Amino acid sequence: MADRLLIYLYDQNIPEQFLLQLLEHPSPDVKAYISRKIDNLIKDVLKSDERLDLFIYYAKTILLTPHKNRRSKERLFGIIPNLVLRYKVKSRDFKEMLIELGGSNILKDSESAIVALAKIKYEEEDLCN
């Protein structure tokens, strides 16, 4: 029920402040909705760049939220290196986000961001050779 109401009210673009509140919501339905939304965005972005800006918006919002949605964060950190290589036009946005997260006080986020940056650097160098 909650997910249908959210879809009705916001369609694809849930405002950032509201998304942050949803990430902290105790309801399993709301958490499942956000998780499905992220999964669908990842699938869509892997197929085409049509929703890439929306994906970046959600990725930044989720990754910059401390201590929340560890599973979603790990999925995002895992997919970002592939997206940087696929969509070079947005690589700067992704790299800046990862650099910002690399300086995070949250050790797991910082480590994941640095690993993602290292993967990007390795793949870029591998493509040049």
N, C-alpha and C. Protein backbone atom coordinates (compact mmCIF):
# COMPACT_ATOMS: atom_id res chain seq x y z
N MET A 1 0.82 -1.20 0.00
CA MET A 1 0.00 0.00 0.00
C MET A 1 0.86 1.26 0.00
N ALA A 2 1.88 1.28 0.87
CA ALA A 2 2.74 2.46 0.96
C ALA A 2 3.46 2.72 -0.35
N ASP A 3 3.91 1.66 -1.01
CA ASP A 3 4.64 1.86 -2.27
C ASP A 3 3.74 2.42 -3.37
N ARG A 4 2.47 2.01 -3.41
CA ARG A 4 1.54 2.55 -4.41
C ARG A 4 1.29 4.03 -4.19
N LEU A 5 1.17 4.42 -2.93
CA LEU A 5 0.96 5.83 -2.61
C LEU A 5 2.19 6.65 -3.00
N LEU A 6 3.38 6.14 -2.72
CA LEU A 6 4.60 6.85 -3.10
C LEU A 6 4.71 7.00 -4.61
N ILE A 7 4.39 5.95 -5.33
CA ILE A 7 4.42 6.00 -6.80
C ILE A 7 3.41 7.02 -7.30
N TYR A 8 2.21 7.01 -6.72
CA TYR A 8 1.17 7.95 -7.13
C TYR A 8 1.61 9.40 -6.88
N LEU A 9 2.19 9.65 -5.71
CA LEU A 9 2.54 11.02 -5.34
C LEU A 9 3.78 11.54 -6.06
N TYR A 10 4.78 10.68 -6.22
CA TYR A 10 6.07 11.18 -6.70
C TYR A 10 6.53 10.59 -8.02
N ASP A 11 5.84 9.60 -8.54
CA ASP A 11 6.22 8.93 -9.77
C ASP A 11 7.68 8.52 -9.67
N GLN A 12 8.57 9.09 -10.46
CA GLN A 12 9.96 8.66 -10.48
C GLN A 12 10.87 9.48 -9.57
N ASN A 13 10.53 10.71 -9.29
CA ASN A 13 11.43 11.62 -8.61
C ASN A 13 11.00 11.93 -7.18
N ILE A 14 11.40 11.13 -6.25
CA ILE A 14 11.12 11.40 -4.84
C ILE A 14 12.08 12.49 -4.39
N PRO A 15 11.59 13.57 -3.79
CA PRO A 15 12.48 14.65 -3.34
C PRO A 15 13.54 14.13 -2.37
N GLU A 16 14.73 14.74 -2.43
CA GLU A 16 15.86 14.27 -1.64
C GLU A 16 15.56 14.19 -0.14
N GLN A 17 14.98 15.24 0.42
CA GLN A 17 14.70 15.24 1.86
C GLN A 17 13.73 14.11 2.22
N PHE A 18 12.76 13.88 1.37
CA PHE A 18 11.80 12.82 1.64
C PHE A 18 12.45 11.45 1.49
N LEU A 19 13.33 11.32 0.51
CA LEU A 19 14.05 10.07 0.32
C LEU A 19 14.89 9.75 1.57
N LEU A 20 15.52 10.77 2.13
CA LEU A 20 16.31 10.55 3.35
C LEU A 20 15.41 10.06 4.49
N GLN A 21 14.22 10.61 4.59
CA GLN A 21 13.29 10.17 5.62
C GLN A 21 12.83 8.74 5.36
N LEU A 22 12.62 8.41 4.09
CA LEU A 22 12.21 7.04 3.74
C LEU A 22 13.30 6.03 4.10
N LEU A 23 14.54 6.42 3.93
CA LEU A 23 15.65 5.52 4.26
C LEU A 23 15.69 5.19 5.75
N GLU A 24 15.16 6.09 6.57
CA GLU A 24 15.15 5.89 8.02
C GLU A 24 13.82 5.33 8.52
N HIS A 25 12.89 5.13 7.64
CA HIS A 25 11.55 4.68 8.02
C HIS A 25 11.60 3.24 8.55
N PRO A 26 10.89 2.95 9.63
CA PRO A 26 10.93 1.59 10.20
C PRO A 26 10.09 0.56 9.44
N SER A 27 9.21 1.01 8.57
CA SER A 27 8.31 0.08 7.88
C SER A 27 9.05 -0.79 6.87
N PRO A 28 8.87 -2.11 6.96
CA PRO A 28 9.48 -3.01 5.98
C PRO A 28 8.97 -2.75 4.56
N ASP A 29 7.72 -2.31 4.43
CA ASP A 29 7.17 -2.01 3.10
C ASP A 29 7.90 -0.84 2.45
N VAL A 30 8.17 0.18 3.23
CA VAL A 30 8.86 1.36 2.70
C VAL A 30 10.30 1.00 2.34
N LYS A 31 10.96 0.25 3.21
CA LYS A 31 12.34 -0.18 2.93
C LYS A 31 12.38 -1.06 1.68
N ALA A 32 11.42 -1.92 1.53
CA ALA A 32 11.34 -2.79 0.35
C ALA A 32 11.11 -1.95 -0.91
N TYR A 33 10.28 -0.93 -0.80
CA TYR A 33 10.02 -0.04 -1.93
C TYR A 33 11.31 0.64 -2.39
N ILE A 34 12.05 1.20 -1.45
CA ILE A 34 13.31 1.88 -1.79
C ILE A 34 14.29 0.88 -2.40
N SER A 35 14.37 -0.30 -1.83
CA SER A 35 15.27 -1.33 -2.36
C SER A 35 14.90 -1.71 -3.79
N ARG A 36 13.60 -1.89 -4.04
CA ARG A 36 13.14 -2.22 -5.41
C ARG A 36 13.43 -1.07 -6.36
N LYS A 37 13.24 0.14 -5.89
CA LYS A 37 13.49 1.32 -6.72
C LYS A 37 14.97 1.35 -7.14
N ILE A 38 15.85 1.08 -6.22
CA ILE A 38 17.28 1.06 -6.52
C ILE A 38 17.60 -0.07 -7.49
N ASP A 39 17.06 -1.25 -7.24
CA ASP A 39 17.29 -2.38 -8.13
C ASP A 39 16.82 -2.08 -9.55
N ASN A 40 15.64 -1.48 -9.67
CA ASN A 40 15.10 -1.14 -10.99
C ASN A 40 15.94 -0.09 -11.70
N LEU A 41 16.42 0.89 -10.93
CA LEU A 41 17.27 1.92 -11.53
C LEU A 41 18.58 1.32 -12.02
N ILE A 42 19.16 0.40 -11.25
CA ILE A 42 20.40 -0.25 -11.67
C ILE A 42 20.16 -1.02 -12.97
N LYS A 43 19.07 -1.77 -13.03
CA LYS A 43 18.76 -2.52 -14.26
C LYS A 43 18.57 -1.57 -15.44
N ASP A 44 17.84 -0.48 -15.22
CA ASP A 44 17.59 0.48 -16.29
C ASP A 44 18.88 1.14 -16.78
N VAL A 45 19.72 1.53 -15.84
CA VAL A 45 20.96 2.23 -16.19
C VAL A 45 21.93 1.29 -16.91
N LEU A 46 21.87 0.01 -16.60
CA LEU A 46 22.73 -0.94 -17.31
C LEU A 46 22.28 -1.14 -18.75
N LYS A 47 21.02 -0.84 -19.04
CA LYS A 47 20.49 -0.99 -20.39
C LYS A 47 20.67 0.28 -21.23
N SER A 48 20.45 1.44 -20.62
CA SER A 48 20.57 2.70 -21.37
C SER A 48 20.84 3.84 -20.39
N ASP A 49 21.28 4.97 -20.95
CA ASP A 49 21.59 6.12 -20.10
C ASP A 49 20.39 7.04 -19.89
N GLU A 50 19.23 6.59 -20.30
CA GLU A 50 18.02 7.40 -20.23
C GLU A 50 17.72 7.91 -18.81
N ARG A 51 17.97 7.08 -17.82
CA ARG A 51 17.67 7.46 -16.43
C ARG A 51 18.94 7.64 -15.60
N LEU A 52 20.03 7.93 -16.26
CA LEU A 52 21.32 8.04 -15.59
C LEU A 52 21.34 9.18 -14.57
N ASP A 53 20.76 10.32 -14.91
CA ASP A 53 20.74 11.44 -13.97
C ASP A 53 19.93 11.10 -12.73
N LEU A 54 18.82 10.41 -12.91
CA LEU A 54 18.01 9.99 -11.77
C LEU A 54 18.80 9.00 -10.92
N PHE A 55 19.53 8.09 -11.57
CA PHE A 55 20.35 7.12 -10.83
C PHE A 55 21.41 7.85 -10.01
N ILE A 56 22.08 8.83 -10.60
CA ILE A 56 23.11 9.59 -9.88
C ILE A 56 22.50 10.31 -8.68
N TYR A 57 21.33 10.87 -8.87
CA TYR A 57 20.62 11.56 -7.78
C TYR A 57 20.38 10.61 -6.60
N TYR A 58 19.84 9.41 -6.89
CA TYR A 58 19.58 8.45 -5.83
C TYR A 58 20.87 7.91 -5.23
N ALA A 59 21.86 7.66 -6.07
CA ALA A 59 23.14 7.13 -5.58
C ALA A 59 23.78 8.11 -4.60
N LYS A 60 23.83 9.38 -4.97
CA LYS A 60 24.42 10.39 -4.08
C LYS A 60 23.66 10.46 -2.76
N THR A 61 22.35 10.48 -2.86
CA THR A 61 21.52 10.59 -1.66
C THR A 61 21.76 9.40 -0.73
N ILE A 62 21.76 8.21 -1.28
CA ILE A 62 21.92 7.01 -0.46
C ILE A 62 23.34 6.87 0.06
N LEU A 63 24.33 7.09 -0.79
CA LEU A 63 25.71 6.90 -0.38
C LEU A 63 26.17 7.94 0.64
N LEU A 64 25.60 9.12 0.59
CA LEU A 64 25.99 10.16 1.54
C LEU A 64 25.22 10.09 2.86
N THR A 65 24.32 9.15 2.98
CA THR A 65 23.56 8.98 4.22
C THR A 65 24.33 8.02 5.13
N PRO A 66 24.78 8.49 6.29
CA PRO A 66 25.60 7.62 7.14
C PRO A 66 24.78 6.49 7.77
N HIS A 67 25.40 5.34 7.85
CA HIS A 67 24.89 4.18 8.58
C HIS A 67 23.55 3.64 8.10
N LYS A 68 23.14 3.96 6.92
CA LYS A 68 21.84 3.49 6.45
C LYS A 68 22.02 2.64 5.20
N ASN A 69 21.15 1.66 5.05
CA ASN A 69 21.06 0.86 3.83
C ASN A 69 22.40 0.30 3.35
N ARG A 70 23.07 -0.44 4.19
CA ARG A 70 24.38 -1.01 3.85
C ARG A 70 24.29 -1.85 2.58
N ARG A 71 23.26 -2.68 2.46
CA ARG A 71 23.14 -3.55 1.28
C ARG A 71 22.99 -2.71 0.00
N SER A 72 22.18 -1.68 0.05
CA SER A 72 22.01 -0.80 -1.11
C SER A 72 23.31 -0.08 -1.44
N LYS A 73 24.01 0.36 -0.42
CA LYS A 73 25.28 1.03 -0.64
C LYS A 73 26.28 0.10 -1.32
N GLU A 74 26.37 -1.13 -0.86
CA GLU A 74 27.32 -2.07 -1.45
C GLU A 74 26.98 -2.35 -2.91
N ARG A 75 25.69 -2.47 -3.22
CA ARG A 75 25.29 -2.65 -4.62
C ARG A 75 25.73 -1.46 -5.47
N LEU A 76 25.52 -0.26 -4.94
CA LEU A 76 25.90 0.95 -5.67
C LEU A 76 27.41 1.03 -5.87
N PHE A 77 28.17 0.77 -4.80
CA PHE A 77 29.62 0.81 -4.92
C PHE A 77 30.11 -0.23 -5.94
N GLY A 78 29.42 -1.35 -6.03
CA GLY A 78 29.80 -2.39 -6.97
C GLY A 78 29.51 -2.03 -8.42
N ILE A 79 28.45 -1.29 -8.66
CA ILE A 79 28.03 -0.99 -10.03
C ILE A 79 28.67 0.29 -10.58
N ILE A 80 29.04 1.20 -9.72
CA ILE A 80 29.56 2.50 -10.17
C ILE A 80 30.80 2.36 -11.07
N PRO A 81 31.79 1.52 -10.75
CA PRO A 81 32.93 1.41 -11.69
C PRO A 81 32.50 1.02 -13.11
N ASN A 82 31.54 0.13 -13.24
CA ASN A 82 31.05 -0.25 -14.57
C ASN A 82 30.38 0.92 -15.28
N LEU A 83 29.63 1.71 -14.52
CA LEU A 83 28.94 2.84 -15.12
C LEU A 83 29.91 3.94 -15.56
N VAL A 84 30.98 4.13 -14.79
CA VAL A 84 31.98 5.13 -15.17
C VAL A 84 32.60 4.76 -16.51
N LEU A 85 32.89 3.49 -16.69
CA LEU A 85 33.50 3.04 -17.95
C LEU A 85 32.50 3.07 -19.10
N ARG A 86 31.25 2.81 -18.80
CA ARG A 86 30.22 2.78 -19.84
C ARG A 86 29.77 4.18 -20.26
N TYR A 87 29.60 5.06 -19.28
CA TYR A 87 29.08 6.40 -19.54
C TYR A 87 30.15 7.44 -19.19
N LYS A 88 31.10 7.60 -20.06
CA LYS A 88 32.24 8.49 -19.82
C LYS A 88 31.81 9.94 -19.56
N VAL A 89 30.69 10.34 -20.15
CA VAL A 89 30.22 11.70 -20.00
C VAL A 89 29.90 12.04 -18.53
N LYS A 90 29.55 11.04 -17.75
CA LYS A 90 29.22 11.26 -16.33
C LYS A 90 30.32 10.76 -15.39
N SER A 91 31.46 10.36 -15.94
CA SER A 91 32.51 9.79 -15.09
C SER A 91 32.99 10.77 -14.03
N ARG A 92 33.06 12.04 -14.39
CA ARG A 92 33.51 13.04 -13.42
C ARG A 92 32.55 13.10 -12.21
N ASP A 93 31.25 13.08 -12.48
CA ASP A 93 30.26 13.11 -11.39
C ASP A 93 30.46 11.93 -10.44
N PHE A 94 30.62 10.74 -11.02
CA PHE A 94 30.81 9.55 -10.20
C PHE A 94 32.11 9.61 -9.42
N LYS A 95 33.18 10.02 -10.07
CA LYS A 95 34.48 10.08 -9.40
C LYS A 95 34.48 11.10 -8.26
N GLU A 96 33.88 12.26 -8.49
CA GLU A 96 33.80 13.27 -7.43
C GLU A 96 33.01 12.76 -6.24
N MET A 97 31.94 12.03 -6.51
CA MET A 97 31.14 11.45 -5.44
C MET A 97 31.98 10.44 -4.64
N LEU A 98 32.72 9.59 -5.34
CA LEU A 98 33.55 8.59 -4.67
C LEU A 98 34.69 9.23 -3.89
N ILE A 99 35.28 10.28 -4.43
CA ILE A 99 36.35 10.99 -3.71
C ILE A 99 35.80 11.59 -2.42
N GLU A 100 34.63 12.19 -2.51
CA GLU A 100 33.99 12.76 -1.31
C GLU A 100 33.74 11.67 -0.27
N LEU A 101 33.25 10.53 -0.72
CA LEU A 101 32.98 9.43 0.20
C LEU A 101 34.26 8.80 0.73
N GLY A 102 35.34 8.88 -0.03
CA GLY A 102 36.63 8.34 0.42
C GLY A 102 37.14 9.04 1.66
N GLY A 103 36.71 10.26 1.88
CA GLY A 103 37.11 11.01 3.07
C GLY A 103 36.10 10.91 4.20
N SER A 104 35.16 9.99 4.08
CA SER A 104 34.09 9.85 5.07
C SER A 104 34.64 9.35 6.41
N ASN A 105 33.96 9.73 7.47
CA ASN A 105 34.29 9.21 8.81
C ASN A 105 33.78 7.79 9.00
N ILE A 106 32.94 7.35 8.12
CA ILE A 106 32.39 6.00 8.21
C ILE A 106 33.34 5.09 7.44
N LEU A 107 34.07 4.28 8.19
CA LEU A 107 35.16 3.49 7.63
C LEU A 107 34.72 2.61 6.47
N LYS A 108 33.61 1.93 6.60
CA LYS A 108 33.14 1.02 5.55
C LYS A 108 32.83 1.79 4.26
N ASP A 109 32.19 2.95 4.37
CA ASP A 109 31.90 3.77 3.19
C ASP A 109 33.19 4.27 2.55
N SER A 110 34.12 4.73 3.39
CA SER A 110 35.39 5.23 2.90
C SER A 110 36.15 4.13 2.16
N GLU A 111 36.23 2.95 2.75
CA GLU A 111 36.92 1.82 2.10
C GLU A 111 36.26 1.44 0.78
N SER A 112 34.94 1.35 0.78
CA SER A 112 34.21 0.97 -0.43
C SER A 112 34.42 1.99 -1.55
N ALA A 113 34.43 3.27 -1.20
CA ALA A 113 34.64 4.32 -2.19
C ALA A 113 36.05 4.25 -2.77
N ILE A 114 37.03 4.02 -1.92
CA ILE A 114 38.42 3.94 -2.38
C ILE A 114 38.61 2.70 -3.26
N VAL A 115 38.00 1.59 -2.90
CA VAL A 115 38.08 0.38 -3.72
C VAL A 115 37.44 0.63 -5.09
N ALA A 116 36.29 1.30 -5.11
CA ALA A 116 35.62 1.61 -6.38
C ALA A 116 36.50 2.51 -7.24
N LEU A 117 37.13 3.51 -6.63
CA LEU A 117 38.04 4.38 -7.38
C LEU A 117 39.23 3.60 -7.93
N ALA A 118 39.77 2.69 -7.14
CA ALA A 118 40.90 1.86 -7.59
C ALA A 118 40.48 0.98 -8.77
N LYS A 119 39.28 0.41 -8.72
CA LYS A 119 38.78 -0.40 -9.83
C LYS A 119 38.66 0.44 -11.10
N ILE A 120 38.16 1.65 -10.95
CA ILE A 120 38.02 2.55 -12.10
C ILE A 120 39.39 2.86 -12.70
N LYS A 121 40.33 3.22 -11.85
CA LYS A 121 41.68 3.55 -12.31
C LYS A 121 42.31 2.36 -13.02
N TYR A 122 42.17 1.19 -12.45
CA TYR A 122 42.74 -0.04 -13.04
C TYR A 122 42.12 -0.30 -14.41
N GLU A 123 40.82 -0.24 -14.50
CA GLU A 123 40.12 -0.49 -15.76
C GLU A 123 40.45 0.56 -16.82
N GLU A 124 40.56 1.82 -16.40
CA GLU A 124 40.91 2.87 -17.36
C GLU A 124 42.32 2.67 -17.91
N GLU A 125 43.24 2.31 -17.03
CA GLU A 125 44.61 2.05 -17.48
C GLU A 125 44.66 0.82 -18.37
N ASP A 126 43.86 -0.18 -18.03
CA ASP A 126 43.82 -1.41 -18.83
C ASP A 126 43.28 -1.14 -20.23
N LEU A 127 42.32 -0.24 -20.34
CA LEU A 127 41.76 0.13 -21.64
C LEU A 127 42.76 0.91 -22.49
N CYS A 128 43.61 1.70 -21.84
CA CYS A 128 44.61 2.50 -22.57
C CYS A 128 45.73 1.64 -23.11
N ASN A 129 46.00 0.50 -22.50
CA ASN A 129 47.13 -0.36 -22.93
C ASN A 129 46.73 -1.35 -23.96
